[in-house]
Amino acid sequence: MPRKYRKKGRPIGKDRRFSIRSELRKQPDIQKIAKAVVALAIAQAEAEAEKQTEAAQTSKQERAQDGGPPDA
């Protein structure tokens, strides 16, 4: 079908059922905000720990290939 005849509307796919609407509140929901911040902090800490673990394994493998003393 040529481009100029295509229907414009919702995209076809899984995401079409989601909608976001703002809700004006006098006071923010502190508990929801706190849960979101804690979840982000945990995810960031896990990512950093994984990165450090990978770096340690890489350096350990490099030392083993160079003939240096392996770490315990």
N, C-alpha and C. Protein backbone atom coordinates (compact mmCIF):
# COMPACT_ATOMS: atom_id res chain seq x y z
N MET A 1 0.83 -1.16 0.00
CA MET A 1 0.00 0.00 0.00
C MET A 1 0.89 1.24 0.00
N PRO A 2 0.63 2.19 -0.86
CA PRO A 2 1.45 3.40 -0.87
C PRO A 2 1.37 4.15 0.45
N ARG A 3 2.40 4.91 0.73
CA ARG A 3 2.49 5.61 1.99
C ARG A 3 1.35 6.58 2.21
N LYS A 4 0.93 7.27 1.21
CA LYS A 4 -0.06 8.31 1.42
C LYS A 4 -1.44 7.76 1.74
N TYR A 5 -1.65 6.45 1.55
CA TYR A 5 -2.94 5.85 1.83
C TYR A 5 -2.98 5.08 3.15
N ARG A 6 -1.86 5.02 3.85
CA ARG A 6 -1.83 4.27 5.10
C ARG A 6 -2.65 4.99 6.17
N LYS A 7 -3.27 4.20 7.02
CA LYS A 7 -4.03 4.76 8.12
C LYS A 7 -3.07 5.24 9.20
N LYS A 8 -3.39 6.36 9.77
CA LYS A 8 -2.60 6.87 10.87
C LYS A 8 -3.38 6.63 12.15
N GLY A 9 -2.76 6.02 13.10
CA GLY A 9 -3.43 5.71 14.35
C GLY A 9 -2.48 5.00 15.27
N ARG A 10 -3.03 4.14 16.05
CA ARG A 10 -2.21 3.40 16.99
C ARG A 10 -1.28 2.43 16.26
N PRO A 11 -0.03 2.33 16.72
CA PRO A 11 0.86 1.34 16.11
C PRO A 11 0.43 -0.06 16.50
N ILE A 12 0.64 -0.99 15.63
CA ILE A 12 0.29 -2.38 15.88
C ILE A 12 1.41 -3.01 16.69
N GLY A 13 1.06 -3.65 17.76
CA GLY A 13 2.05 -4.30 18.59
C GLY A 13 1.59 -4.43 20.01
N LYS A 14 2.49 -4.88 20.86
CA LYS A 14 2.15 -5.14 22.26
C LYS A 14 1.95 -3.86 23.05
N ASP A 15 2.63 -2.78 22.69
CA ASP A 15 2.60 -1.56 23.48
C ASP A 15 1.34 -0.73 23.29
N ARG A 16 0.46 -1.12 22.45
CA ARG A 16 -0.68 -0.27 22.15
C ARG A 16 -1.73 -0.25 23.25
N ARG A 17 -1.64 -1.14 24.23
CA ARG A 17 -2.62 -1.17 25.32
C ARG A 17 -2.27 -0.22 26.45
N PHE A 18 -1.07 0.33 26.45
CA PHE A 18 -0.62 1.17 27.54
C PHE A 18 -0.96 2.62 27.28
N SER A 19 -1.39 3.28 28.31
CA SER A 19 -1.57 4.73 28.24
C SER A 19 -1.16 5.32 29.58
N ILE A 20 -0.65 6.53 29.53
CA ILE A 20 -0.18 7.20 30.73
C ILE A 20 -0.94 8.50 30.86
N ARG A 21 -1.50 8.69 32.02
CA ARG A 21 -2.23 9.93 32.28
C ARG A 21 -1.72 10.51 33.58
N SER A 22 -1.51 11.79 33.58
CA SER A 22 -1.04 12.43 34.80
C SER A 22 -2.20 12.63 35.76
N GLU A 23 -1.87 12.65 37.02
CA GLU A 23 -2.89 12.85 38.04
C GLU A 23 -2.36 13.90 39.01
N LEU A 24 -3.01 15.04 39.06
CA LEU A 24 -2.58 16.13 39.91
C LEU A 24 -2.93 15.81 41.36
N ARG A 25 -1.94 15.86 42.22
CA ARG A 25 -2.14 15.60 43.64
C ARG A 25 -1.59 16.75 44.45
N LYS A 26 -2.18 16.99 45.59
CA LYS A 26 -1.66 18.04 46.47
C LYS A 26 -0.34 17.61 47.09
N GLN A 27 -0.26 16.34 47.50
CA GLN A 27 0.94 15.80 48.11
C GLN A 27 1.44 14.63 47.26
N PRO A 28 2.74 14.57 46.99
CA PRO A 28 3.25 13.41 46.23
C PRO A 28 3.20 12.15 47.09
N ASP A 29 3.12 11.01 46.43
CA ASP A 29 3.11 9.73 47.13
C ASP A 29 4.54 9.36 47.49
N ILE A 30 4.92 9.70 48.70
CA ILE A 30 6.30 9.53 49.16
C ILE A 30 6.71 8.05 49.15
N GLN A 31 5.80 7.16 49.50
CA GLN A 31 6.14 5.74 49.54
C GLN A 31 6.46 5.20 48.15
N LYS A 32 5.70 5.60 47.15
CA LYS A 32 5.98 5.15 45.78
C LYS A 32 7.31 5.69 45.29
N ILE A 33 7.56 6.96 45.59
CA ILE A 33 8.83 7.57 45.18
C ILE A 33 9.99 6.86 45.87
N ALA A 34 9.85 6.59 47.16
CA ALA A 34 10.91 5.91 47.91
C ALA A 34 11.17 4.51 47.35
N LYS A 35 10.12 3.78 47.04
CA LYS A 35 10.29 2.44 46.47
C LYS A 35 11.02 2.50 45.13
N ALA A 36 10.68 3.48 44.31
CA ALA A 36 11.33 3.62 43.00
C ALA A 36 12.81 3.96 43.16
N VAL A 37 13.11 4.87 44.10
CA VAL A 37 14.51 5.26 44.32
C VAL A 37 15.32 4.09 44.85
N VAL A 38 14.74 3.32 45.78
CA VAL A 38 15.44 2.15 46.33
C VAL A 38 15.68 1.11 45.24
N ALA A 39 14.67 0.88 44.40
CA ALA A 39 14.83 -0.09 43.31
C ALA A 39 15.92 0.34 42.34
N LEU A 40 15.98 1.63 42.03
CA LEU A 40 17.03 2.13 41.14
C LEU A 40 18.41 1.98 41.79
N ALA A 41 18.50 2.27 43.08
CA ALA A 41 19.79 2.14 43.78
C ALA A 41 20.25 0.69 43.80
N ILE A 42 19.33 -0.23 44.05
CA ILE A 42 19.69 -1.65 44.06
C ILE A 42 20.15 -2.10 42.68
N ALA A 43 19.44 -1.69 41.64
CA ALA A 43 19.82 -2.07 40.28
C ALA A 43 21.20 -1.51 39.93
N GLN A 44 21.46 -0.27 40.33
CA GLN A 44 22.76 0.33 40.05
C GLN A 44 23.87 -0.39 40.81
N ALA A 45 23.63 -0.73 42.08
CA ALA A 45 24.63 -1.45 42.87
C ALA A 45 24.92 -2.82 42.27
N GLU A 46 23.88 -3.52 41.82
CA GLU A 46 24.08 -4.83 41.19
C GLU A 46 24.90 -4.70 39.91
N ALA A 47 24.61 -3.68 39.12
CA ALA A 47 25.36 -3.48 37.87
C ALA A 47 26.82 -3.17 38.15
N GLU A 48 27.08 -2.34 39.16
CA GLU A 48 28.46 -2.02 39.51
C GLU A 48 29.20 -3.25 40.05
N ALA A 49 28.52 -4.05 40.86
CA ALA A 49 29.15 -5.26 41.40
C ALA A 49 29.48 -6.24 40.29
N GLU A 50 28.57 -6.36 39.33
CA GLU A 50 28.82 -7.25 38.20
C GLU A 50 30.01 -6.76 37.37
N LYS A 51 30.08 -5.46 37.17
CA LYS A 51 31.19 -4.89 36.41
C LYS A 51 32.51 -5.12 37.13
N GLN A 52 32.53 -4.96 38.46
CA GLN A 52 33.75 -5.20 39.22
C GLN A 52 34.15 -6.67 39.17
N THR A 53 33.18 -7.56 39.24
CA THR A 53 33.46 -8.99 39.17
C THR A 53 34.07 -9.35 37.82
N GLU A 54 33.50 -8.80 36.75
CA GLU A 54 34.04 -9.07 35.42
C GLU A 54 35.46 -8.51 35.28
N ALA A 55 35.70 -7.33 35.83
CA ALA A 55 37.03 -6.73 35.75
C ALA A 55 38.04 -7.57 36.53
N ALA A 56 37.63 -8.07 37.69
CA ALA A 56 38.53 -8.91 38.50
C ALA A 56 38.85 -10.21 37.78
N GLN A 57 37.85 -10.81 37.15
CA GLN A 57 38.09 -12.06 36.42
C GLN A 57 39.00 -11.82 35.22
N THR A 58 38.80 -10.70 34.55
CA THR A 58 39.63 -10.38 33.38
C THR A 58 41.08 -10.17 33.80
N SER A 59 41.29 -9.41 34.88
CA SER A 59 42.67 -9.17 35.31
C SER A 59 43.32 -10.45 35.82
N LYS A 60 42.53 -11.32 36.44
CA LYS A 60 43.06 -12.60 36.92
C LYS A 60 43.50 -13.46 35.74
N GLN A 61 42.69 -13.48 34.67
CA GLN A 61 43.04 -14.25 33.48
C GLN A 61 44.27 -13.68 32.79
N GLU A 62 44.39 -12.35 32.77
CA GLU A 62 45.56 -11.73 32.13
C GLU A 62 46.83 -12.06 32.90
N ARG A 63 46.76 -12.04 34.24
CA ARG A 63 47.94 -12.39 35.03
C ARG A 63 48.33 -13.84 34.83
N ALA A 64 47.35 -14.72 34.69
CA ALA A 64 47.64 -16.14 34.48
C ALA A 64 48.30 -16.36 33.12
N GLN A 65 47.88 -15.59 32.12
CA GLN A 65 48.47 -15.72 30.78
C GLN A 65 49.88 -15.14 30.75
N ASP A 66 50.13 -14.11 31.55
CA ASP A 66 51.45 -13.48 31.57
C ASP A 66 52.45 -14.28 32.42
N GLY A 67 51.98 -15.24 33.15
CA GLY A 67 52.87 -16.06 33.97
C GLY A 67 53.09 -15.48 35.35
N GLY A 68 52.32 -14.51 35.73
CA GLY A 68 52.44 -13.90 37.05
C GLY A 68 51.81 -14.79 38.10
N PRO A 69 52.00 -14.42 39.37
CA PRO A 69 51.42 -15.24 40.44
C PRO A 69 49.89 -15.09 40.47
N PRO A 70 49.17 -16.20 40.49
CA PRO A 70 47.69 -16.11 40.54
C PRO A 70 47.23 -15.70 41.93
N ASP A 71 46.11 -15.02 41.97
CA ASP A 71 45.51 -14.62 43.24
C ASP A 71 44.77 -15.81 43.83
N ALA A 72 44.64 -15.80 45.13
CA ALA A 72 43.92 -16.88 45.81
C ALA A 72 42.45 -16.65 45.78
